[in-house]
Amino acid sequence: MDDVEEIKKLKARYFRSLDSKDWDTYAGVFAEDCVVDLSLAGGGKYEGRTDFRAYASGLTIVQSVHHGHMPEIDLTGPDSATGVWVLEDYNIWEDGKQNHGWGHYLETYVKRDGRWYIKTMALSYLRIETDCPQPALIAGKDGTGHLRGLTPAADAWR
């Protein structure tokens, strides 16, 4: 498979593991020495996979839905690339608050030992709505176990 497709799969795994709260798989999409900057989205800046995993796994989100669209991926070398992704997300928090947002991810990627990782990631929002109707179904933290791991589609049929 070509490198651009592998990077698309990497980002898809990022979204799926975030929404299923599969923190081991989620951490695995990032390079050990990653830098994640959420300052334009009202958050902090995190250096290293361990630091960012600790932040993300500590979020009090009951349910999230993240979609990435229209990737603009450019290979900048045999082991490096850049990407821009359009984002739409929806989050329900433990305190009952909700938000629906639209924005962008700006990323760089690095290929190590034949595998792609997110090296740097910055998130910014164009719009966030907080007046959201109650959803008809909430899978919650425990209703996403079937989505966890590296190969959930293959594992579902075992």
Protein backbone atom coordinates (compact mmCIF):
# COMPACT_ATOMS: atom_id res chain seq x y z
CA MET A 1 0.00 0.00 0.00
CA ASP A 2 1.32 3.46 -0.72
CA ASP A 3 2.40 5.89 1.98
CA VAL A 4 -0.51 8.32 1.54
CA GLU A 5 -3.01 5.50 2.08
CA GLU A 6 -1.09 4.33 5.15
CA ILE A 7 -1.29 7.85 6.61
CA LYS A 8 -5.04 7.94 5.94
CA LYS A 9 -5.38 4.62 7.79
CA LEU A 10 -3.29 6.04 10.63
CA LYS A 11 -5.65 9.01 11.01
CA ALA A 12 -8.71 6.76 10.80
CA ARG A 13 -7.23 4.67 13.63
CA TYR A 14 -6.69 7.90 15.59
CA PHE A 15 -10.39 8.81 15.32
CA ARG A 16 -11.69 5.30 16.04
CA SER A 17 -9.47 4.74 19.07
CA LEU A 18 -10.30 8.19 20.47
CA ASP A 19 -14.03 7.57 20.16
CA SER A 20 -13.81 4.05 21.60
CA LYS A 21 -11.51 5.23 24.43
CA ASP A 22 -8.93 2.63 23.41
CA TRP A 23 -6.01 4.52 24.92
CA ASP A 24 -3.31 1.99 24.04
CA THR A 25 -4.19 2.02 20.34
CA TYR A 26 -4.67 5.80 20.49
CA ALA A 27 -1.21 6.37 21.98
CA GLY A 28 0.26 4.06 19.34
CA VAL A 29 -0.61 6.42 16.48
CA PHE A 30 1.80 9.02 17.88
CA ALA A 31 5.59 9.07 17.65
CA GLU A 32 7.30 8.72 21.04
CA ASP A 33 8.61 12.29 20.64
CA CYS A 34 5.39 13.82 19.31
CA VAL A 35 4.27 17.37 20.02
CA VAL A 36 0.53 18.07 20.25
CA ASP A 37 -0.58 21.70 20.35
CA LEU A 38 -4.19 22.31 21.34
CA SER A 39 -3.67 25.99 22.21
CA LEU A 40 -5.72 27.26 19.24
CA ALA A 41 -8.57 25.03 20.46
CA GLY A 42 -8.40 26.35 24.02
CA GLY A 43 -6.15 23.61 25.37
CA GLY A 44 -2.51 23.05 26.21
CA LYS A 45 0.64 21.86 24.51
CA TYR A 46 1.90 18.32 25.15
CA GLU A 47 5.33 16.90 24.44
CA GLY A 48 5.80 13.16 24.08
CA ARG A 49 3.43 10.25 23.61
CA THR A 50 3.17 9.52 27.35
CA ASP A 51 2.30 13.13 28.23
CA PHE A 52 -0.40 13.40 25.58
CA ARG A 53 -1.88 9.97 26.35
CA ALA A 54 -2.22 10.95 30.01
CA TYR A 55 -4.06 14.13 29.03
CA ALA A 56 -6.41 12.44 26.53
CA SER A 57 -7.27 9.46 28.75
CA GLY A 58 -8.11 11.85 31.59
CA LEU A 59 -10.82 13.66 29.62
CA THR A 60 -14.29 13.25 31.09
CA ILE A 61 -16.00 12.51 27.78
CA VAL A 62 -18.83 9.97 27.94
CA GLN A 63 -19.23 9.81 24.18
CA SER A 64 -17.43 11.37 21.27
CA VAL A 65 -17.78 11.16 17.52
CA HIS A 66 -14.90 12.46 15.39
CA HIS A 67 -14.81 12.61 11.61
CA GLY A 68 -11.85 13.61 9.47
CA HIS A 69 -12.50 14.68 5.90
CA MET A 70 -10.70 15.89 2.79
CA PRO A 71 -7.11 15.00 3.72
CA GLU A 72 -4.39 17.02 2.04
CA ILE A 73 -1.33 14.81 2.48
CA ASP A 74 2.04 15.69 0.98
CA LEU A 75 5.04 13.40 1.16
CA THR A 76 8.04 15.59 2.03
CA GLY A 77 10.60 12.78 1.99
CA PRO A 78 10.77 8.98 2.12
CA ASP A 79 10.01 9.05 5.86
CA SER A 80 8.16 12.34 6.34
CA ALA A 81 4.89 13.96 5.33
CA THR A 82 2.51 16.79 6.17
CA GLY A 83 -1.26 16.75 6.32
CA VAL A 84 -4.31 18.95 6.79
CA TRP A 85 -7.60 17.35 7.81
CA VAL A 86 -11.05 18.92 8.06
CA LEU A 87 -12.63 17.94 11.38
CA GLU A 88 -16.15 17.56 12.68
CA ASP A 89 -16.65 16.35 16.24
CA TYR A 90 -19.41 15.90 18.78
CA ASN A 91 -18.77 15.35 22.48
CA ILE A 92 -20.91 14.58 25.50
CA TRP A 93 -19.19 15.19 28.83
CA GLU A 94 -19.82 13.54 32.22
CA ASP A 95 -21.38 16.76 33.53
CA GLY A 96 -23.98 16.66 30.71
CA LYS A 97 -22.47 19.42 28.60
CA GLN A 98 -22.23 18.84 24.88
CA ASN A 99 -20.39 20.45 22.01
CA HIS A 100 -20.40 20.09 18.23
CA GLY A 101 -17.37 21.50 16.48
CA TRP A 102 -15.84 22.06 13.06
CA GLY A 103 -12.19 22.77 12.46
CA HIS A 104 -8.87 21.48 11.19
CA TYR A 105 -5.92 19.34 12.15
CA LEU A 106 -2.47 20.42 10.92
CA GLU A 107 -0.05 17.52 11.17
CA THR A 108 3.35 16.16 10.32
CA TYR A 109 4.13 12.48 10.07
CA VAL A 110 7.25 10.38 10.44
CA LYS A 111 7.90 6.85 9.23
CA ARG A 112 9.96 4.70 11.59
CA ASP A 113 10.72 1.02 11.10
CA GLY A 114 8.28 0.93 8.18
CA ARG A 115 5.35 2.39 10.14
CA TRP A 116 3.84 5.89 10.03
CA TYR A 117 3.21 7.96 13.18
CA ILE A 118 1.85 11.41 13.93
CA LYS A 119 4.89 13.54 14.79
CA THR A 120 3.18 16.90 15.36
CA MET A 121 -0.50 17.76 15.59
CA ALA A 122 -2.22 21.12 16.01
CA LEU A 123 -5.99 21.47 16.33
CA SER A 124 -8.02 24.59 15.66
CA TYR A 125 -11.76 25.17 15.50
CA LEU A 126 -13.73 27.36 13.12
CA ARG A 127 -16.95 26.93 15.06
CA ILE A 128 -18.19 25.20 18.21
CA GLU A 129 -21.84 24.92 19.15
CA THR A 130 -22.77 24.11 22.74
CA ASP A 131 -26.57 24.27 22.44
CA CYS A 132 -27.08 20.70 21.22
CA PRO A 133 -30.24 18.57 21.37
CA GLN A 134 -30.21 15.44 23.48
CA PRO A 135 -29.01 12.47 21.38
CA ALA A 136 -31.32 9.54 20.76
CA LEU A 137 -28.61 7.01 21.66
CA ILE A 138 -25.52 7.28 23.82
CA ALA A 139 -23.12 4.34 23.57
CA GLY A 140 -21.21 5.66 26.57
CA LYS A 141 -17.76 4.61 27.67
CA ASP A 142 -18.56 0.90 27.78
CA GLY A 143 -20.53 0.55 24.53
CA THR A 144 -17.49 0.79 22.26
CA GLY A 145 -15.45 -2.27 23.18
CA HIS A 146 -16.04 -3.85 19.78
CA LEU A 147 -14.10 -0.97 18.17
CA ARG A 148 -10.89 -1.37 20.17
CA GLY A 149 -7.54 -2.78 19.05
CA LEU A 150 -5.62 -2.63 15.81
CA THR A 151 -7.92 -4.90 13.77
CA PRO A 152 -11.48 -4.67 15.13
CA ALA A 153 -13.12 -5.76 11.87
CA ALA A 154 -11.10 -8.98 11.78
CA ASP A 155 -11.52 -9.54 15.53
CA ALA A 156 -15.32 -9.17 15.34
CA TRP A 157 -15.66 -12.40 13.39
CA ARG A 158 -13.54 -14.61 15.62
